[in-house]
N, C-alpha and C. Protein backbone atom coordinates (compact mmCIF):
# COMPACT_ATOMS: atom_id res chain seq x y z
N MET A 1 17.13 -7.86 -21.72
CA MET A 1 15.83 -8.12 -20.79
C MET A 1 15.24 -6.75 -20.69
N LYS A 2 13.98 -6.37 -21.08
CA LYS A 2 13.47 -4.88 -20.62
C LYS A 2 12.60 -5.01 -19.55
N VAL A 3 12.83 -4.22 -18.49
CA VAL A 3 12.11 -4.07 -17.12
C VAL A 3 11.27 -2.93 -17.18
N LEU A 4 9.97 -2.73 -16.94
CA LEU A 4 9.28 -1.80 -16.53
C LEU A 4 9.05 -1.74 -14.91
N ILE A 5 9.13 -0.95 -13.93
CA ILE A 5 8.93 -0.68 -12.94
C ILE A 5 7.77 0.32 -12.50
N VAL A 6 6.84 -0.05 -12.01
CA VAL A 6 5.64 0.98 -11.76
C VAL A 6 5.98 1.39 -10.24
N GLY A 7 5.91 2.96 -10.36
CA GLY A 7 6.06 3.52 -9.12
C GLY A 7 6.70 4.58 -9.14
N SER A 8 6.93 5.64 -7.81
CA SER A 8 7.91 6.71 -7.98
C SER A 8 8.25 7.21 -6.57
N GLY A 9 8.32 5.99 -5.74
CA GLY A 9 8.91 6.35 -4.29
C GLY A 9 10.06 5.53 -4.18
N GLY A 10 10.74 5.84 -3.10
CA GLY A 10 12.13 5.15 -2.55
C GLY A 10 11.96 3.74 -2.78
N ARG A 11 11.07 2.91 -2.51
CA ARG A 11 10.74 1.68 -2.88
C ARG A 11 11.21 1.19 -4.22
N GLU A 12 10.64 1.94 -5.16
CA GLU A 12 11.00 1.94 -6.59
C GLU A 12 12.45 2.28 -6.91
N HIS A 13 12.69 3.07 -6.30
CA HIS A 13 14.08 3.64 -6.82
C HIS A 13 15.17 2.43 -6.11
N ALA A 14 15.02 1.84 -5.12
CA ALA A 14 15.72 0.88 -4.46
C ALA A 14 15.44 -0.76 -5.66
N ILE A 15 14.34 -0.85 -6.02
CA ILE A 15 14.24 -1.87 -6.83
C ILE A 15 14.57 -1.66 -8.13
N ALA A 16 14.83 -0.26 -8.74
CA ALA A 16 15.62 0.08 -10.10
C ALA A 16 16.82 -0.19 -9.88
N TRP A 17 17.35 0.17 -8.67
CA TRP A 17 18.87 0.35 -8.33
C TRP A 17 19.43 -1.39 -8.56
N LYS A 18 18.68 -2.06 -7.84
CA LYS A 18 19.11 -3.49 -7.98
C LYS A 18 18.76 -4.28 -8.93
N VAL A 19 17.60 -4.02 -9.93
CA VAL A 19 17.46 -4.61 -11.22
C VAL A 19 18.56 -4.10 -12.21
N ALA A 20 19.19 -3.00 -11.97
CA ALA A 20 20.24 -2.41 -12.95
C ALA A 20 21.58 -3.13 -12.47
N GLN A 21 21.73 -3.73 -11.94
CA GLN A 21 22.88 -4.64 -11.50
C GLN A 21 23.11 -5.89 -12.07
N SER A 22 21.69 -6.20 -12.53
CA SER A 22 21.66 -7.77 -13.47
C SER A 22 22.36 -7.53 -14.79
N LYS A 23 23.08 -8.52 -15.27
CA LYS A 23 23.79 -8.87 -16.45
C LYS A 23 22.64 -9.10 -17.36
N LYS A 24 21.53 -9.47 -17.31
CA LYS A 24 20.18 -10.05 -18.03
C LYS A 24 19.61 -8.40 -18.45
N VAL A 25 19.49 -7.59 -17.82
CA VAL A 25 18.60 -6.26 -18.09
C VAL A 25 19.47 -5.28 -18.99
N THR A 26 18.69 -5.04 -20.28
CA THR A 26 19.31 -4.25 -21.24
C THR A 26 18.67 -2.63 -20.91
N LYS A 27 17.48 -2.69 -20.40
CA LYS A 27 16.90 -1.42 -20.59
C LYS A 27 15.74 -1.32 -19.08
N ILE A 28 15.83 -0.29 -18.63
CA ILE A 28 14.74 -0.29 -17.38
C ILE A 28 13.89 1.22 -17.71
N TYR A 29 12.59 0.86 -17.44
CA TYR A 29 11.54 2.07 -17.59
C TYR A 29 10.97 2.17 -16.17
N CYS A 30 10.59 3.38 -15.89
CA CYS A 30 9.72 3.75 -14.62
C CYS A 30 8.59 4.46 -14.82
N ALA A 31 7.54 4.11 -14.61
CA ALA A 31 6.22 4.95 -14.65
C ALA A 31 5.65 4.99 -13.42
N PRO A 32 5.89 6.30 -13.02
CA PRO A 32 6.10 7.35 -13.63
C PRO A 32 7.60 7.67 -13.07
N GLY A 33 8.03 7.12 -12.16
CA GLY A 33 9.59 7.63 -11.79
C GLY A 33 9.70 8.69 -10.99
N ASN A 34 10.82 9.01 -10.83
CA ASN A 34 11.15 10.32 -10.11
C ASN A 34 12.39 10.75 -10.43
N ALA A 35 12.95 12.19 -9.92
CA ALA A 35 14.12 12.50 -10.29
C ALA A 35 15.37 11.49 -10.15
N GLY A 36 15.41 10.89 -9.02
CA GLY A 36 16.48 10.11 -8.50
C GLY A 36 16.38 8.85 -9.18
N ILE A 37 14.88 8.16 -9.71
CA ILE A 37 15.20 6.73 -10.46
C ILE A 37 15.61 7.25 -11.76
N ALA A 38 15.70 8.78 -12.43
CA ALA A 38 16.09 9.04 -13.90
C ALA A 38 17.32 8.39 -13.77
N GLY A 39 18.13 8.70 -13.11
CA GLY A 39 19.39 8.32 -13.12
C GLY A 39 19.96 6.92 -13.49
N ILE A 40 18.81 6.15 -13.39
CA ILE A 40 19.04 4.65 -13.19
C ILE A 40 18.18 4.30 -14.44
N ALA A 41 17.01 4.59 -14.45
CA ALA A 41 15.79 4.08 -15.57
C ALA A 41 15.46 5.26 -16.52
N GLU A 42 14.78 5.00 -17.55
CA GLU A 42 14.00 6.00 -18.36
C GLU A 42 12.51 6.01 -17.64
N CYS A 43 12.34 7.53 -17.13
CA CYS A 43 10.88 7.49 -16.62
C CYS A 43 10.11 7.80 -17.91
N VAL A 44 8.76 7.21 -17.49
CA VAL A 44 7.96 7.53 -18.69
C VAL A 44 6.69 7.99 -17.94
N PRO A 45 5.85 9.24 -18.58
CA PRO A 45 5.07 9.89 -17.88
C PRO A 45 3.43 9.22 -18.00
N ILE A 46 3.53 8.04 -17.03
CA ILE A 46 2.14 7.33 -17.03
C ILE A 46 2.17 7.22 -15.49
N GLY A 47 0.70 7.40 -15.02
CA GLY A 47 0.43 7.13 -13.58
C GLY A 47 0.51 5.61 -13.35
N ALA A 48 0.67 5.53 -12.06
CA ALA A 48 0.79 4.16 -11.48
C ALA A 48 -0.52 3.49 -11.65
N MET A 49 -1.74 4.12 -11.58
CA MET A 49 -3.37 3.75 -11.82
C MET A 49 -3.79 3.60 -12.93
N GLU A 50 -3.10 4.26 -14.07
CA GLU A 50 -3.31 3.94 -15.41
C GLU A 50 -3.09 2.88 -16.03
N PHE A 51 -3.59 1.88 -15.84
CA PHE A 51 -3.43 0.46 -16.32
C PHE A 51 -3.67 0.22 -17.46
N ASP A 52 -4.42 0.72 -18.34
CA ASP A 52 -4.72 0.64 -19.95
C ASP A 52 -3.07 1.17 -20.38
N LYS A 53 -2.74 2.41 -20.11
CA LYS A 53 -1.95 2.81 -20.68
C LYS A 53 -0.74 2.10 -20.13
N LEU A 54 -0.39 1.68 -19.27
CA LEU A 54 0.96 0.95 -18.72
C LEU A 54 0.85 -0.50 -19.40
N VAL A 55 -0.32 -1.11 -19.74
CA VAL A 55 -0.47 -2.23 -20.49
C VAL A 55 -0.04 -1.94 -21.90
N ALA A 56 -0.26 -0.79 -22.59
CA ALA A 56 0.01 -0.51 -23.91
C ALA A 56 1.34 -0.26 -23.98
N PHE A 57 1.90 0.47 -22.97
CA PHE A 57 3.30 0.76 -22.96
C PHE A 57 4.39 -0.50 -22.93
N ALA A 58 3.74 -1.57 -22.30
CA ALA A 58 4.44 -2.76 -22.19
C ALA A 58 4.47 -3.34 -23.46
N LYS A 59 3.24 -3.56 -24.06
CA LYS A 59 3.25 -4.30 -25.19
C LYS A 59 4.01 -3.61 -26.30
N ASP A 60 3.74 -2.16 -26.59
CA ASP A 60 4.54 -1.33 -27.33
C ASP A 60 5.99 -1.26 -27.50
N ASN A 61 6.56 -1.60 -26.14
CA ASN A 61 7.92 -1.53 -26.07
C ASN A 61 8.57 -2.98 -25.66
N LYS A 62 7.75 -3.80 -25.73
CA LYS A 62 8.12 -5.67 -25.80
C LYS A 62 9.01 -5.68 -24.38
N ILE A 63 8.11 -5.16 -23.32
CA ILE A 63 8.64 -5.46 -21.93
C ILE A 63 8.69 -7.00 -21.32
N ASP A 64 9.70 -7.42 -21.05
CA ASP A 64 9.84 -8.80 -20.48
C ASP A 64 9.19 -8.86 -19.27
N LEU A 65 9.28 -8.03 -18.37
CA LEU A 65 8.91 -8.14 -16.99
C LEU A 65 8.50 -6.72 -16.28
N THR A 66 7.45 -6.64 -15.72
CA THR A 66 6.75 -5.38 -15.08
C THR A 66 7.18 -5.94 -13.69
N ILE A 67 7.69 -4.97 -12.77
CA ILE A 67 7.62 -5.15 -11.47
C ILE A 67 6.60 -3.99 -10.90
N ILE A 68 5.69 -4.38 -9.90
CA ILE A 68 4.64 -3.39 -9.27
C ILE A 68 5.46 -2.83 -8.14
N GLY A 69 5.47 -1.63 -7.73
CA GLY A 69 6.10 -1.50 -6.17
C GLY A 69 5.16 -0.78 -5.35
N MET A 70 4.07 -0.12 -6.02
CA MET A 70 3.28 0.88 -5.21
C MET A 70 2.00 0.12 -4.82
N ASP A 71 1.91 0.31 -3.56
CA ASP A 71 0.49 -0.75 -2.99
C ASP A 71 -0.77 -0.39 -3.73
N ASP A 72 -1.12 1.08 -4.03
CA ASP A 72 -2.37 1.41 -4.79
C ASP A 72 -2.52 0.68 -5.87
N PRO A 73 -1.59 0.58 -6.87
CA PRO A 73 -2.11 -0.37 -7.95
C PRO A 73 -2.25 -1.80 -7.86
N LEU A 74 -1.40 -2.46 -6.84
CA LEU A 74 -1.36 -3.85 -6.51
C LEU A 74 -2.89 -3.95 -6.00
N VAL A 75 -3.39 -2.87 -4.96
CA VAL A 75 -4.58 -3.23 -4.58
C VAL A 75 -5.72 -3.20 -5.59
N GLY A 76 -5.48 -2.19 -6.67
CA GLY A 76 -6.40 -2.26 -7.61
C GLY A 76 -6.39 -2.99 -8.54
N GLY A 77 -5.68 -4.20 -8.45
CA GLY A 77 -5.70 -5.27 -9.47
C GLY A 77 -4.98 -5.00 -10.69
N ILE A 78 -3.69 -4.39 -10.63
CA ILE A 78 -2.84 -4.28 -11.72
C ILE A 78 -2.56 -5.48 -12.42
N VAL A 79 -1.92 -6.41 -11.24
CA VAL A 79 -1.36 -7.56 -11.64
C VAL A 79 -2.28 -8.52 -12.62
N ASP A 80 -3.49 -8.25 -11.82
CA ASP A 80 -4.54 -9.20 -12.82
C ASP A 80 -4.83 -8.73 -13.98
N VAL A 81 -4.75 -7.42 -14.30
CA VAL A 81 -4.89 -6.69 -15.77
C VAL A 81 -3.70 -7.15 -16.52
N PHE A 82 -2.52 -7.09 -16.08
CA PHE A 82 -1.52 -7.52 -16.73
C PHE A 82 -1.40 -9.05 -17.47
N GLU A 83 -1.91 -9.64 -16.36
CA GLU A 83 -1.66 -11.31 -16.41
C GLU A 83 -2.92 -11.56 -17.58
N ALA A 84 -4.01 -10.95 -17.34
CA ALA A 84 -5.23 -11.04 -18.33
C ALA A 84 -4.74 -10.69 -19.74
N GLU A 85 -3.44 -9.92 -20.17
CA GLU A 85 -3.05 -9.55 -21.13
C GLU A 85 -2.02 -10.22 -21.69
N GLY A 86 -1.73 -11.40 -20.93
CA GLY A 86 -0.54 -12.41 -21.31
C GLY A 86 0.80 -11.56 -20.91
N LEU A 87 0.95 -10.59 -20.19
CA LEU A 87 2.20 -9.88 -19.63
C LEU A 87 2.79 -10.30 -18.50
N ARG A 88 4.21 -10.97 -18.41
CA ARG A 88 4.79 -10.87 -17.23
C ARG A 88 4.93 -9.92 -16.20
N VAL A 89 4.30 -10.07 -15.18
CA VAL A 89 4.25 -9.51 -13.96
C VAL A 89 4.93 -9.88 -12.78
N PHE A 90 5.38 -9.20 -11.72
CA PHE A 90 5.70 -9.44 -10.58
C PHE A 90 5.06 -8.46 -9.49
N GLY A 91 4.07 -9.15 -8.71
CA GLY A 91 3.45 -8.50 -7.54
C GLY A 91 2.30 -9.46 -7.17
N PRO A 92 1.50 -9.05 -6.07
CA PRO A 92 0.40 -10.24 -5.69
C PRO A 92 -0.75 -9.61 -6.50
N ARG A 93 -1.60 -10.41 -6.74
CA ARG A 93 -2.94 -10.33 -7.54
C ARG A 93 -3.67 -9.63 -6.51
N LYS A 94 -4.90 -8.66 -7.15
CA LYS A 94 -5.81 -8.19 -6.23
C LYS A 94 -6.34 -8.83 -4.99
N ASN A 95 -6.47 -9.95 -4.80
CA ASN A 95 -7.24 -11.07 -3.84
C ASN A 95 -6.03 -11.12 -2.73
N ALA A 96 -4.81 -10.93 -3.01
CA ALA A 96 -3.70 -11.09 -2.09
C ALA A 96 -3.40 -9.79 -1.80
N ALA A 97 -3.34 -8.78 -2.29
CA ALA A 97 -2.93 -7.30 -2.20
C ALA A 97 -3.75 -6.79 -1.21
N ILE A 98 -5.12 -7.48 -0.89
CA ILE A 98 -5.88 -6.79 0.00
C ILE A 98 -5.15 -6.99 1.78
N LEU A 99 -4.16 -7.90 1.58
CA LEU A 99 -3.57 -7.79 3.17
C LEU A 99 -2.72 -6.61 3.36
N GLU A 100 -2.43 -5.89 2.27
CA GLU A 100 -1.84 -4.66 2.69
C GLU A 100 -2.71 -3.56 2.60
N GLY A 101 -3.74 -3.53 1.80
CA GLY A 101 -4.82 -2.76 1.56
C GLY A 101 -6.22 -2.45 2.74
N SER A 102 -6.03 -3.40 3.56
CA SER A 102 -6.87 -3.15 4.58
C SER A 102 -6.49 -4.26 5.93
N LYS A 103 -6.03 -3.06 6.72
CA LYS A 103 -5.52 -3.74 8.06
C LYS A 103 -6.57 -4.78 8.86
N SER A 104 -7.68 -4.11 8.86
CA SER A 104 -8.65 -4.97 9.61
C SER A 104 -8.94 -6.25 8.93
N PHE A 105 -8.93 -6.41 7.80
CA PHE A 105 -8.74 -7.76 6.88
C PHE A 105 -7.75 -8.82 7.16
N SER A 106 -6.60 -7.87 7.24
CA SER A 106 -5.18 -8.54 7.83
C SER A 106 -5.52 -9.01 9.25
N LYS A 107 -5.87 -8.38 9.69
CA LYS A 107 -6.24 -8.71 11.72
C LYS A 107 -7.24 -9.99 11.61
N ASP A 108 -8.04 -9.69 11.04
CA ASP A 108 -8.88 -10.69 11.06
C ASP A 108 -8.74 -11.98 10.53
N LEU A 109 -7.83 -12.02 9.40
CA LEU A 109 -7.24 -13.23 8.96
C LEU A 109 -6.16 -13.80 9.92
N MET A 110 -5.25 -12.94 10.44
CA MET A 110 -4.49 -13.77 11.59
C MET A 110 -5.09 -14.24 12.65
N LYS A 111 -6.18 -13.62 12.92
CA LYS A 111 -7.02 -14.11 14.26
C LYS A 111 -7.78 -15.46 13.72
N LYS A 112 -8.31 -15.59 12.60
CA LYS A 112 -8.78 -16.59 12.11
C LYS A 112 -7.81 -17.92 12.07
N TYR A 113 -6.89 -17.76 11.71
CA TYR A 113 -5.51 -18.66 11.35
C TYR A 113 -4.75 -18.80 12.74
N ASN A 114 -4.94 -18.19 13.89
CA ASN A 114 -4.03 -18.16 14.95
C ASN A 114 -2.64 -17.60 14.73
N ILE A 115 -2.49 -16.80 13.94
CA ILE A 115 -1.10 -15.96 13.51
C ILE A 115 -1.06 -15.04 14.56
N PRO A 116 0.15 -15.01 15.62
CA PRO A 116 0.27 -14.24 16.50
C PRO A 116 0.10 -12.82 15.77
N THR A 117 -0.48 -11.93 16.45
CA THR A 117 -0.58 -10.42 16.31
C THR A 117 -1.13 -9.81 17.47
N ALA A 118 -1.06 -8.19 17.45
CA ALA A 118 -1.51 -7.56 18.71
C ALA A 118 -2.84 -7.90 18.93
N ALA A 119 -3.45 -7.65 20.04
CA ALA A 119 -4.75 -7.54 20.20
C ALA A 119 -5.70 -6.53 19.62
N TYR A 120 -6.68 -6.41 19.09
CA TYR A 120 -7.10 -5.23 18.40
C TYR A 120 -8.58 -5.60 18.48
N GLU A 121 -9.30 -4.31 17.99
CA GLU A 121 -10.62 -4.07 17.79
C GLU A 121 -11.10 -3.31 16.42
N VAL A 122 -12.15 -3.41 15.67
CA VAL A 122 -12.29 -2.49 14.48
C VAL A 122 -13.32 -1.75 14.75
N PHE A 123 -13.19 -0.27 14.42
CA PHE A 123 -14.38 0.50 14.34
C PHE A 123 -14.99 1.17 12.77
N THR A 124 -16.21 1.55 13.01
CA THR A 124 -16.54 1.95 11.53
C THR A 124 -17.22 3.52 12.10
N ASP A 125 -17.26 3.52 13.45
CA ASP A 125 -17.90 4.34 14.08
C ASP A 125 -17.14 5.26 15.04
N ALA A 126 -16.90 6.45 14.76
CA ALA A 126 -16.05 7.14 15.72
C ALA A 126 -16.43 7.45 17.17
N ASP A 127 -17.94 7.62 17.86
CA ASP A 127 -17.97 7.54 19.18
C ASP A 127 -17.79 6.18 19.64
N ALA A 128 -18.11 5.03 18.87
CA ALA A 128 -17.82 3.76 19.39
C ALA A 128 -16.19 3.65 19.68
N ALA A 129 -15.64 4.19 18.95
CA ALA A 129 -14.10 3.83 19.07
C ALA A 129 -13.76 4.85 20.22
N VAL A 130 -14.20 5.86 20.33
CA VAL A 130 -13.86 6.95 21.67
C VAL A 130 -14.56 5.91 23.04
N ALA A 131 -15.68 5.61 22.84
CA ALA A 131 -16.28 4.57 23.80
C ALA A 131 -15.44 3.86 24.43
N TYR A 132 -14.69 2.87 23.58
CA TYR A 132 -13.94 1.93 23.86
C TYR A 132 -12.71 2.53 24.42
N LEU A 133 -11.74 3.62 23.74
CA LEU A 133 -10.76 3.96 24.49
C LEU A 133 -11.07 4.25 25.85
N LYS A 134 -12.05 4.98 26.24
CA LYS A 134 -12.47 5.34 27.34
C LYS A 134 -12.81 4.15 28.61
N GLU A 135 -13.29 3.11 28.11
CA GLU A 135 -13.44 2.22 28.96
C GLU A 135 -12.60 0.83 28.96
N LYS A 136 -11.84 0.53 28.08
CA LYS A 136 -11.05 -0.69 27.93
C LYS A 136 -9.65 -0.30 27.54
N ALA A 137 -9.25 0.58 26.85
CA ALA A 137 -7.79 0.70 26.42
C ALA A 137 -6.78 0.88 27.42
N ASP A 138 -5.81 0.26 27.04
CA ASP A 138 -4.49 0.48 27.87
C ASP A 138 -3.48 1.27 26.98
N PHE A 139 -3.06 2.15 27.87
CA PHE A 139 -2.15 3.14 26.91
C PHE A 139 -0.39 2.62 27.05
N PRO A 140 0.54 3.01 26.13
CA PRO A 140 0.22 3.47 24.90
C PRO A 140 -0.61 2.36 23.90
N ILE A 141 -1.08 3.14 22.88
CA ILE A 141 -2.25 2.37 21.97
C ILE A 141 -2.11 2.89 20.55
N VAL A 142 -2.15 1.77 19.47
CA VAL A 142 -2.17 2.23 18.35
C VAL A 142 -3.40 2.40 17.65
N LEU A 143 -3.33 3.36 16.84
CA LEU A 143 -4.53 3.64 15.84
C LEU A 143 -4.15 3.57 14.39
N LYS A 144 -4.97 3.03 13.68
CA LYS A 144 -4.54 2.51 12.04
C LYS A 144 -5.67 2.76 11.32
N ALA A 145 -5.75 3.66 10.45
CA ALA A 145 -6.58 4.10 9.21
C ALA A 145 -6.63 2.40 8.61
N ASP A 146 -7.56 1.92 8.43
CA ASP A 146 -7.85 0.60 7.66
C ASP A 146 -7.42 0.52 6.31
N GLY A 147 -7.46 1.58 5.44
CA GLY A 147 -6.82 1.54 4.01
C GLY A 147 -5.56 2.15 3.83
N LEU A 148 -5.03 1.97 2.56
CA LEU A 148 -4.04 2.86 2.33
C LEU A 148 -3.86 4.42 2.52
N ALA A 149 -2.68 4.58 3.37
CA ALA A 149 -2.76 6.06 3.60
C ALA A 149 -1.10 6.56 3.53
N LEU A 150 -0.62 5.97 2.19
CA LEU A 150 0.90 6.32 1.87
C LEU A 150 1.59 6.04 3.15
N GLY A 151 1.50 5.37 4.17
CA GLY A 151 2.53 4.92 5.13
C GLY A 151 2.13 5.97 6.16
N LYS A 152 1.40 6.94 6.18
CA LYS A 152 1.00 7.70 7.34
C LYS A 152 -0.30 7.69 8.13
N GLY A 153 -0.68 6.42 8.03
CA GLY A 153 -2.11 6.18 8.60
C GLY A 153 -2.16 5.57 10.00
N VAL A 154 -0.82 5.58 10.61
CA VAL A 154 -0.91 5.05 12.04
C VAL A 154 -0.51 5.98 12.75
N LEU A 155 -1.08 6.21 13.85
CA LEU A 155 -0.91 6.80 15.06
C LEU A 155 -0.73 6.28 16.35
N ILE A 156 0.48 6.76 17.23
CA ILE A 156 0.67 5.81 18.49
C ILE A 156 0.31 6.91 19.56
N CYS A 157 -0.69 6.46 20.19
CA CYS A 157 -0.99 7.42 21.30
C CYS A 157 -0.76 7.02 22.87
N ASN A 158 -0.10 7.90 23.42
CA ASN A 158 0.58 7.63 24.64
C ASN A 158 -0.79 7.84 25.89
N THR A 159 -1.80 8.80 25.55
CA THR A 159 -2.84 9.09 26.59
C THR A 159 -4.36 9.22 25.98
N LEU A 160 -5.22 9.02 26.76
CA LEU A 160 -6.51 9.07 26.27
C LEU A 160 -6.85 10.24 25.45
N GLU A 161 -6.30 11.48 26.03
CA GLU A 161 -6.65 12.53 25.13
C GLU A 161 -5.88 12.53 23.48
N GLU A 162 -4.87 11.98 23.55
CA GLU A 162 -3.99 11.69 22.39
C GLU A 162 -4.98 10.71 21.45
N ALA A 163 -5.25 9.80 21.93
CA ALA A 163 -6.29 8.87 21.11
C ALA A 163 -7.55 9.45 20.94
N ILE A 164 -8.26 10.11 21.81
CA ILE A 164 -9.39 10.87 21.37
C ILE A 164 -9.23 11.90 19.95
N ASP A 165 -8.09 12.43 20.09
CA ASP A 165 -7.85 13.27 19.22
C ASP A 165 -7.37 12.52 17.83
N GLY A 166 -6.88 11.53 18.16
CA GLY A 166 -6.47 10.64 16.68
C GLY A 166 -7.76 9.89 15.96
N VAL A 167 -8.77 9.47 16.71
CA VAL A 167 -9.84 9.21 16.02
C VAL A 167 -10.69 10.19 15.56
N ARG A 168 -10.51 11.23 16.01
CA ARG A 168 -11.07 12.67 15.32
C ARG A 168 -10.32 12.77 14.00
N THR A 169 -8.80 12.77 14.14
CA THR A 169 -8.30 12.81 12.65
C THR A 169 -8.30 11.94 11.82
N ILE A 170 -8.44 10.65 12.22
CA ILE A 170 -8.80 9.39 11.26
C ILE A 170 -10.04 9.40 10.57
N MET A 171 -11.10 9.43 11.75
CA MET A 171 -12.32 9.18 11.35
C MET A 171 -13.29 10.24 10.92
N THR A 172 -13.04 11.19 11.57
CA THR A 172 -14.06 12.32 11.67
C THR A 172 -13.38 13.57 10.30
N ASP A 173 -12.28 13.96 10.70
CA ASP A 173 -11.44 14.97 9.75
C ASP A 173 -11.00 14.43 8.49
N LYS A 174 -10.82 12.86 8.74
CA LYS A 174 -10.63 12.10 7.21
C LYS A 174 -9.18 12.63 6.93
N LYS A 175 -8.35 12.74 7.76
CA LYS A 175 -6.84 13.17 7.18
C LYS A 175 -6.27 12.11 6.09
N PHE A 176 -6.67 11.15 6.21
CA PHE A 176 -6.20 10.07 5.32
C PHE A 176 -7.36 9.46 4.41
N GLY A 177 -8.37 10.28 4.11
CA GLY A 177 -9.15 10.01 3.21
C GLY A 177 -10.21 8.89 3.85
N THR A 178 -10.69 8.10 2.65
CA THR A 178 -11.61 7.12 3.08
C THR A 178 -10.71 6.12 3.93
N ALA A 179 -9.30 6.18 3.47
CA ALA A 179 -8.58 4.89 4.46
C ALA A 179 -8.98 4.93 5.95
N GLY A 180 -9.98 5.90 6.18
CA GLY A 180 -10.19 5.95 7.77
C GLY A 180 -11.46 5.86 7.98
N ASN A 181 -12.38 5.47 7.10
CA ASN A 181 -13.71 5.05 7.22
C ASN A 181 -13.81 3.74 8.20
N THR A 182 -12.54 3.11 7.98
CA THR A 182 -12.62 2.11 9.18
C THR A 182 -11.62 2.39 9.95
N MET A 183 -11.43 1.75 11.24
CA MET A 183 -10.24 2.09 11.85
C MET A 183 -9.80 0.86 12.87
N VAL A 184 -8.76 0.59 12.67
CA VAL A 184 -8.15 -0.70 13.77
C VAL A 184 -7.56 0.09 14.99
N ILE A 185 -7.91 -0.32 16.28
CA ILE A 185 -7.17 -0.03 17.49
C ILE A 185 -6.71 -1.09 17.94
N GLU A 186 -5.38 -1.15 18.17
CA GLU A 186 -4.60 -2.32 18.79
C GLU A 186 -3.59 -1.96 19.68
N GLU A 187 -3.24 -3.02 20.39
CA GLU A 187 -2.02 -2.78 21.63
C GLU A 187 -0.99 -2.67 21.15
N LEU A 188 -0.02 -1.81 21.76
CA LEU A 188 1.27 -1.10 21.26
C LEU A 188 2.26 -2.55 21.41
């Protein structure tokens, strides 16, 4: 069995390490991979968001299973693309990957279905977020950029001053890019 793993981080390294233990697996590729993964799999220079190139690689190399590790391609719909091409792929489709891609969507879904979660509010305006922090917040508090931020879009703030600075970092300065267009403030 030939396996393609899409991604380049520690998660993909762990997936490659575990997949390599299967007696059914004859070859592992990783796109794009990294130096550590190269000891386990053959790294191929295709970016995780280059869906057409990944599909072509999977077809050309007769890949039996593709495993998607990274969040960005999952949220972008790579599983849907692979399935449309008749390729076997492991990962959530785009309509399910939104759970990872939008914290506000996930929180609203949990609220709708009475799934226990921390109390929260969602903001698209930095001034409204600051006003909420000044009037209603208990500290410490958590600020989250809504979208994907490479695991870096969460700030734990112990004081009002830290929280106001965090709002600036996420929503005004756009430290996490468009992931900070919307922000979730939730109890710790």
